[in-house]
Amino acid sequence: MSRIAAKLATVEASPDRWGGVFGAEEHSFRLSAPMTEAAVAAFEAGHGVTLPGGYRRFLLELGSEGAGPDYGLRIPSYEICGNLAAPSFIEPGQERITDWSYAYLDAGQKRWQGTLAVVDHGCSVRTLLIVTGRWRGRLAHADVDGAYGPYLLEDTDFLSWYERWLDELLSGCNVSMFGWQKLPGNEHTLRHILTSDPSPARRQMAARSLAALPRLSRNGRQALLASTRDTDPLVREEALEALTRSKTTSSGTVER
């Protein structure tokens, strides 16, 4: 927790550097005061849940709202679905299932049961923390008023997700809509996924994630170039777009 606090302090100490970051004017990279144990316990008792451990620690030790992706973290004052205790419907891969809306539209906002909106990205796009169910503790991106399914992030918990946001911000990555169909990991990890993962969806996301890095090594660009010949047309398209958007270091090393 102290490592996260130190990184956040570094960001907050350089306001001029982050002036162009979408949504930053809403929070100026400052967190509100932490919640008390009594307040967190009362929230949990009122909804019949125990908050995931990492998120609970964050609320108690760092703050409840403010500094975060886009418009920032929001205080856990309500949940979208009205029922935090019911198991979440969110599963990996649902963002590519076209019948998400047909499966859950009749349930209205209950389709988001078991989740808590922790980040506002603007309009109806939120980052959701899964509080109840198989994927408890994980986060998902969702357009809560839209017909498409949610995207389950690969970060293992709230703290690793939040620290990744700080790391990418400090390294100069594009953090707008942070986490949306982008994978965690450095260039080496992303290159491996791009060239070796059996899932076309993950290869496509790896290409998109590489393009978001501030700089790529020559090996990174070569991996993207090779992926323009991938067997999947969406991977080929994403790799080509990534090549046009990315920059290469003069030395061939990655600036991270």
Foldseek 3Di string as FASTA:
>chain_A
DVVLVVLLVVQLVCLVLCVPAAQCVLFSSAADDADDPVVQVVVCVVQVFHAPDVVNCCRHPPHQWGHDAHNTFDHQPDAQQRHQADAAPDDAPQLPPQCQCVVCVVVPSNNGHQWTFTDDLDDQWTKIARGHHDLHFWIWIDSSPDRGDIHTAPDNHDVSQRVQLSVQVVLVFRQRVHRDLAHDDDLVVLLCCLVPPPDPSSVLNSLVNLLRGQAAAPVSLVSLVVQLPPPDPSSVVSSVVSNVRHHYDPVRDGRD
